[in-house]
Amino acid sequence: MQRDRYIGICYGPAGVGKTLSARRYAHWDHFEKFREVEPFKRLGKPPAFLGKADTVFYTADVLNSAVRMVDQIKRLKIDLHELAYGVQLAKQADISTLQENIYRRQWLDTYVKSHDEHCKLLIVDEADRLKISTFEQLRDFYDRGSCGLVLIGMPGIEKKLSRYPQFYSRIGFSHEFRPLSPQELLFIIERHFKKLGLDISPDDFTDHEAVTAIVHTTRGNFRLFHRLFTQIKRVMQVNDAKTVTREIVQAARDCLVIGV
């Protein structure tokens, strides 16, 4: 996407990890942590890999307009470049020895001119919220820019876009996020059991029942699994339990609202 600069779409049911995957790829949690700090106070503090960060993650507003969306994306691109440039500059010089007015002038001259070239990929989450006029503005923004574009949404967004030739003709790939397989879910369950100081034994009937109940309840939904496991820990603490059983899983399930 970054190299060939085309549009991609990712879709899947709620809770399968679309947003989490995109935010992790863009290092967005780290970016947001340092974004609100004054540039001159955060130099050298952000993780070094943010110096090479080139992906913007944008979540569409519930009430969105084309102009507002473009302004927000431009602001994020500038902030991303500002942070990345600061990390790189901190490696090359002792900022404390530079006069602030000289440094500020160099900073502005650099990131204002090149922030657009620095961003190689734009990820738009909750793309289902966008209207056709906003999609058109996003397409124009993509055509005039130099970065790839990925849209993330619920199942059906691919069919929605297929009605707009000028947009779908630019789509280079379509990827469907699916729930975790039983083997993948078992791997995650084992890791979470270890956090409780427990090990899963394939020969233990109680463990087998508990794992089967978790798999049946979550059906591979990543977000639901984390919600369920949070309640499992709470139920175990309340009852001073030392083992995860089917009854504990059921009690944890009863604390949640789970759709069909």
Protein backbone atom coordinates (compact mmCIF):
# COMPACT_ATOMS: atom_id res chain seq x y z
CA MET A 1 0.00 0.00 0.00
CA GLN A 2 2.76 2.41 0.96
CA ARG A 3 4.97 1.47 -1.99
CA ASP A 4 2.28 1.14 -4.66
CA ARG A 5 -0.01 3.82 -3.15
CA TYR A 6 -3.44 2.35 -3.69
CA ILE A 7 -6.65 2.12 -1.67
CA GLY A 8 -7.42 -0.92 0.46
CA ILE A 9 -10.45 -1.88 2.53
CA CYS A 10 -10.57 -4.05 5.66
CA TYR A 11 -13.88 -5.22 7.07
CA GLY A 12 -15.21 -7.66 9.63
CA PRO A 13 -17.67 -8.00 12.52
CA ALA A 14 -17.27 -5.94 15.68
CA GLY A 15 -14.63 -7.16 18.10
CA VAL A 16 -12.38 -9.17 15.78
CA GLY A 17 -9.43 -6.78 16.15
CA LYS A 18 -9.62 -4.43 13.17
CA THR A 19 -9.03 -1.23 15.11
CA LEU A 20 -6.52 -2.82 17.48
CA SER A 21 -4.45 -4.15 14.58
CA ALA A 22 -4.45 -0.81 12.77
CA ARG A 23 -3.53 1.21 15.88
CA ARG A 24 -0.68 -1.16 16.70
CA TYR A 25 0.64 -1.01 13.14
CA ALA A 26 0.64 2.80 13.29
CA HIS A 27 2.05 2.90 16.86
CA TRP A 28 -0.93 5.14 17.55
CA ASP A 29 -1.11 4.55 21.29
CA HIS A 30 2.45 5.86 21.62
CA PHE A 31 1.70 8.74 19.28
CA GLU A 32 -1.33 9.90 21.25
CA LYS A 33 0.61 9.64 24.50
CA PHE A 34 3.17 12.22 23.33
CA ARG A 35 0.98 14.29 21.04
CA GLU A 36 -0.33 16.60 23.75
CA VAL A 37 3.12 17.33 25.18
CA GLU A 38 4.90 20.49 24.06
CA PRO A 39 7.47 19.67 21.35
CA PHE A 40 10.38 21.20 23.23
CA LYS A 41 9.61 19.17 26.35
CA ARG A 42 9.20 15.76 24.73
CA LEU A 43 12.38 15.59 22.62
CA GLY A 44 14.30 12.42 23.31
CA LYS A 45 11.50 10.95 25.44
CA PRO A 46 9.31 9.22 22.81
CA PRO A 47 10.28 5.68 21.72
CA ALA A 48 12.98 5.77 19.07
CA PHE A 49 10.83 3.93 16.51
CA LEU A 50 8.48 6.92 16.37
CA GLY A 51 11.24 8.69 14.49
CA LYS A 52 10.35 6.47 11.54
CA ALA A 53 6.58 6.49 12.04
CA ASP A 54 4.87 7.27 8.73
CA THR A 55 1.27 6.11 9.22
CA VAL A 56 -1.70 8.27 10.28
CA PHE A 57 -4.66 6.61 12.00
CA TYR A 58 -7.90 8.61 11.77
CA THR A 59 -11.29 7.69 13.26
CA ALA A 60 -14.25 9.17 11.40
CA ASP A 61 -16.61 11.26 13.53
CA VAL A 62 -20.23 10.17 13.96
CA LEU A 63 -21.31 13.55 12.57
CA ASN A 64 -18.76 14.21 9.87
CA SER A 65 -18.30 16.70 7.08
CA ALA A 66 -15.82 16.62 4.23
CA VAL A 67 -14.11 19.86 5.21
CA ARG A 68 -13.81 18.91 8.89
CA MET A 69 -12.42 15.49 8.01
CA VAL A 70 -9.71 16.89 5.75
CA ASP A 71 -8.71 19.49 8.35
CA GLN A 72 -8.42 16.81 11.05
CA ILE A 73 -6.33 14.54 8.83
CA LYS A 74 -3.99 17.37 7.87
CA ARG A 75 -3.53 18.23 11.54
CA LEU A 76 -2.68 14.63 12.37
CA LYS A 77 -0.18 14.44 9.51
CA ILE A 78 1.57 17.58 10.74
CA ASP A 79 1.63 16.32 14.33
CA LEU A 80 3.02 12.96 13.22
CA HIS A 81 5.81 14.57 11.25
CA GLU A 82 6.54 17.01 14.06
CA LEU A 83 7.01 14.16 16.52
CA ALA A 84 9.06 12.02 14.14
CA TYR A 85 11.27 14.97 13.22
CA GLY A 86 11.79 15.78 16.90
CA VAL A 87 12.94 12.24 17.68
CA GLN A 88 15.41 12.31 14.79
CA LEU A 89 16.73 15.76 15.70
CA ALA A 90 17.18 14.76 19.32
CA LYS A 91 19.59 12.05 18.18
CA GLN A 92 21.73 14.54 16.26
CA ALA A 93 22.11 17.41 18.70
CA ASP A 94 21.82 18.47 22.29
CA ILE A 95 18.61 20.47 22.11
CA SER A 96 19.31 22.20 25.41
CA THR A 97 22.31 23.94 23.84
CA LEU A 98 20.27 25.42 21.02
CA GLN A 99 18.60 28.76 21.32
CA GLU A 100 14.85 28.22 21.24
CA ASN A 101 14.14 30.89 18.66
CA ILE A 102 16.64 29.42 16.19
CA TYR A 103 15.40 25.90 16.79
CA ARG A 104 11.77 26.90 16.47
CA ARG A 105 12.43 28.53 13.11
CA GLN A 106 14.24 25.42 11.85
CA TRP A 107 11.43 23.24 13.16
CA LEU A 108 8.69 25.14 11.38
CA ASP A 109 10.59 25.41 8.11
CA THR A 110 11.09 21.66 8.06
CA TYR A 111 7.84 20.07 9.15
CA VAL A 112 5.40 22.49 7.51
CA LYS A 113 7.02 21.93 4.11
CA SER A 114 7.42 18.17 4.26
CA HIS A 115 4.65 16.76 6.45
CA ASP A 116 2.69 15.54 3.43
CA GLU A 117 5.66 13.64 2.00
CA HIS A 118 6.43 12.13 5.40
CA CYS A 119 3.06 10.35 5.67
CA LYS A 120 3.10 7.17 3.59
CA LEU A 121 -0.18 5.61 4.70
CA LEU A 122 -3.53 6.93 5.96
CA ILE A 123 -5.85 4.53 7.82
CA VAL A 124 -9.48 5.63 8.23
CA ASP A 125 -11.39 3.69 10.90
CA GLU A 126 -15.20 3.62 11.23
CA ALA A 127 -15.43 4.34 7.51
CA ASP A 128 -19.07 3.20 7.60
CA ARG A 129 -19.91 6.61 9.07
CA LEU A 130 -18.77 8.48 5.97
CA LYS A 131 -21.31 9.87 3.53
CA ILE A 132 -20.88 9.79 -0.22
CA SER A 133 -19.79 13.42 -0.30
CA THR A 134 -17.18 12.68 2.35
CA PHE A 135 -15.98 9.64 0.40
CA GLU A 136 -15.60 11.86 -2.65
CA GLN A 137 -13.58 14.37 -0.65
CA LEU A 138 -11.43 11.54 0.71
CA ARG A 139 -10.85 10.26 -2.82
CA ASP A 140 -9.83 13.74 -3.96
CA PHE A 141 -7.55 14.04 -0.92
CA TYR A 142 -6.00 10.69 -1.86
CA ASP A 143 -5.55 11.68 -5.53
CA ARG A 144 -3.82 14.94 -4.63
CA GLY A 145 -1.61 13.42 -1.95
CA SER A 146 1.23 10.94 -1.98
CA CYS A 147 0.17 8.31 0.55
CA GLY A 148 -1.76 5.05 0.45
CA LEU A 149 -5.24 4.77 1.95
CA VAL A 150 -6.91 1.99 3.96
CA LEU A 151 -10.58 2.07 4.99
CA ILE A 152 -11.77 -0.02 7.96
CA GLY A 153 -15.43 -0.83 8.52
CA MET A 154 -18.11 -3.38 9.21
CA PRO A 155 -19.18 -6.08 6.73
CA GLY A 156 -21.08 -4.45 3.90
CA ILE A 157 -18.76 -1.51 3.36
CA GLU A 158 -17.23 -3.34 0.40
CA LYS A 159 -20.68 -3.54 -1.19
CA LYS A 160 -21.35 0.11 -0.42
CA LEU A 161 -18.16 1.18 -2.19
CA SER A 162 -18.89 -1.07 -5.17
CA ARG A 163 -21.63 1.38 -6.15
CA TYR A 164 -19.12 4.19 -6.77
CA PRO A 165 -16.91 3.41 -9.81
CA GLN A 166 -14.51 6.31 -9.24
CA PHE A 167 -13.74 4.95 -5.79
CA TYR A 168 -13.72 1.16 -6.23
CA SER A 169 -11.62 1.44 -9.39
CA ARG A 170 -8.79 2.65 -7.15
CA ILE A 171 -9.10 -0.22 -4.63
CA GLY A 172 -6.08 -2.50 -4.79
CA PHE A 173 -7.07 -5.04 -2.14
CA SER A 174 -9.95 -6.12 0.08
CA HIS A 175 -9.32 -8.04 3.31
CA GLU A 176 -11.88 -9.65 5.60
CA PHE A 177 -11.11 -9.93 9.33
CA ARG A 178 -12.47 -13.20 10.69
CA PRO A 179 -12.96 -14.44 14.27
CA LEU A 180 -10.08 -16.36 15.85
CA SER A 181 -9.90 -20.06 15.12
CA PRO A 182 -10.16 -22.49 18.08
CA GLN A 183 -6.39 -23.07 17.89
CA GLU A 184 -5.65 -19.33 17.96
CA LEU A 185 -8.10 -18.81 20.80
CA LEU A 186 -6.53 -21.66 22.79
CA PHE A 187 -3.14 -19.97 22.46
CA ILE A 188 -4.57 -16.75 23.93
CA ILE A 189 -6.41 -18.65 26.68
CA GLU A 190 -3.18 -20.32 27.77
CA ARG A 191 -1.42 -16.97 28.04
CA HIS A 192 -4.24 -15.47 30.11
CA PHE A 193 -4.33 -18.52 32.39
CA LYS A 194 -0.62 -17.99 33.07
CA LYS A 195 -1.36 -14.43 34.19
CA LEU A 196 -3.52 -15.99 36.89
CA GLY A 197 -0.73 -18.34 37.84
CA LEU A 198 -2.53 -21.32 36.28
CA ASP A 199 -1.56 -23.84 33.63
CA ILE A 200 -3.92 -25.64 31.27
CA SER A 201 -3.57 -29.41 31.38
CA PRO A 202 -5.02 -31.28 28.39
CA ASP A 203 -5.62 -34.29 30.66
CA ASP A 204 -7.55 -32.30 33.26
CA PHE A 205 -11.31 -32.58 32.70
CA THR A 206 -12.03 -29.36 34.64
CA ASP A 207 -9.63 -27.39 32.43
CA HIS A 208 -11.14 -28.97 29.33
CA GLU A 209 -14.65 -27.97 30.40
CA ALA A 210 -13.56 -24.39 31.18
CA VAL A 211 -11.74 -23.95 27.87
CA THR A 212 -14.68 -25.42 25.95
CA ALA A 213 -17.05 -23.01 27.70
CA ILE A 214 -14.81 -20.03 26.86
CA VAL A 215 -14.51 -21.04 23.20
CA HIS A 216 -18.27 -21.63 22.93
CA THR A 217 -19.08 -18.28 24.59
CA THR A 218 -16.68 -16.07 22.66
CA ARG A 219 -16.74 -17.92 19.30
CA GLY A 220 -13.39 -16.38 18.44
CA ASN A 221 -14.38 -12.77 19.11
CA PHE A 222 -11.26 -11.06 20.44
CA ARG A 223 -13.01 -8.21 22.25
CA LEU A 224 -15.61 -10.49 23.82
CA PHE A 225 -12.84 -12.76 25.08
CA HIS A 226 -11.18 -9.88 26.93
CA ARG A 227 -14.52 -8.81 28.40
CA LEU A 228 -15.25 -12.36 29.52
CA PHE A 229 -11.81 -12.91 31.01
CA THR A 230 -12.07 -9.68 33.01
CA GLN A 231 -15.25 -11.02 34.58
CA ILE A 232 -13.66 -14.44 35.14
CA LYS A 233 -10.91 -12.81 37.20
CA ARG A 234 -13.49 -10.83 39.18
CA VAL A 235 -15.63 -13.91 39.89
CA MET A 236 -12.55 -15.85 41.01
CA GLN A 237 -11.51 -13.05 43.37
CA VAL A 238 -14.98 -12.72 44.87
CA ASN A 239 -15.23 -16.46 45.49
CA ASP A 240 -11.55 -16.94 46.37
CA ALA A 241 -11.35 -19.61 43.67
CA LYS A 242 -8.04 -21.14 42.64
CA THR A 243 -9.22 -22.87 39.47
CA VAL A 244 -11.18 -21.74 36.42
CA THR A 245 -14.21 -23.99 36.05
CA ARG A 246 -17.16 -24.16 33.69
CA GLU A 247 -19.36 -22.71 36.45
CA ILE A 248 -17.06 -19.71 36.85
CA VAL A 249 -17.09 -19.11 33.10
CA GLN A 250 -20.89 -19.28 33.10
CA ALA A 251 -21.10 -16.86 36.04
CA ALA A 252 -18.79 -14.47 34.19
CA ARG A 253 -20.90 -14.82 31.04
CA ASP A 254 -24.04 -13.92 32.96
CA CYS A 255 -22.43 -10.57 33.85
CA LEU A 256 -22.17 -9.59 30.18
CA VAL A 257 -24.54 -8.57 27.43
CA ILE A 258 -23.82 -10.85 24.47
CA GLY A 259 -25.70 -10.52 21.21
CA VAL A 260 -26.77 -13.28 18.89
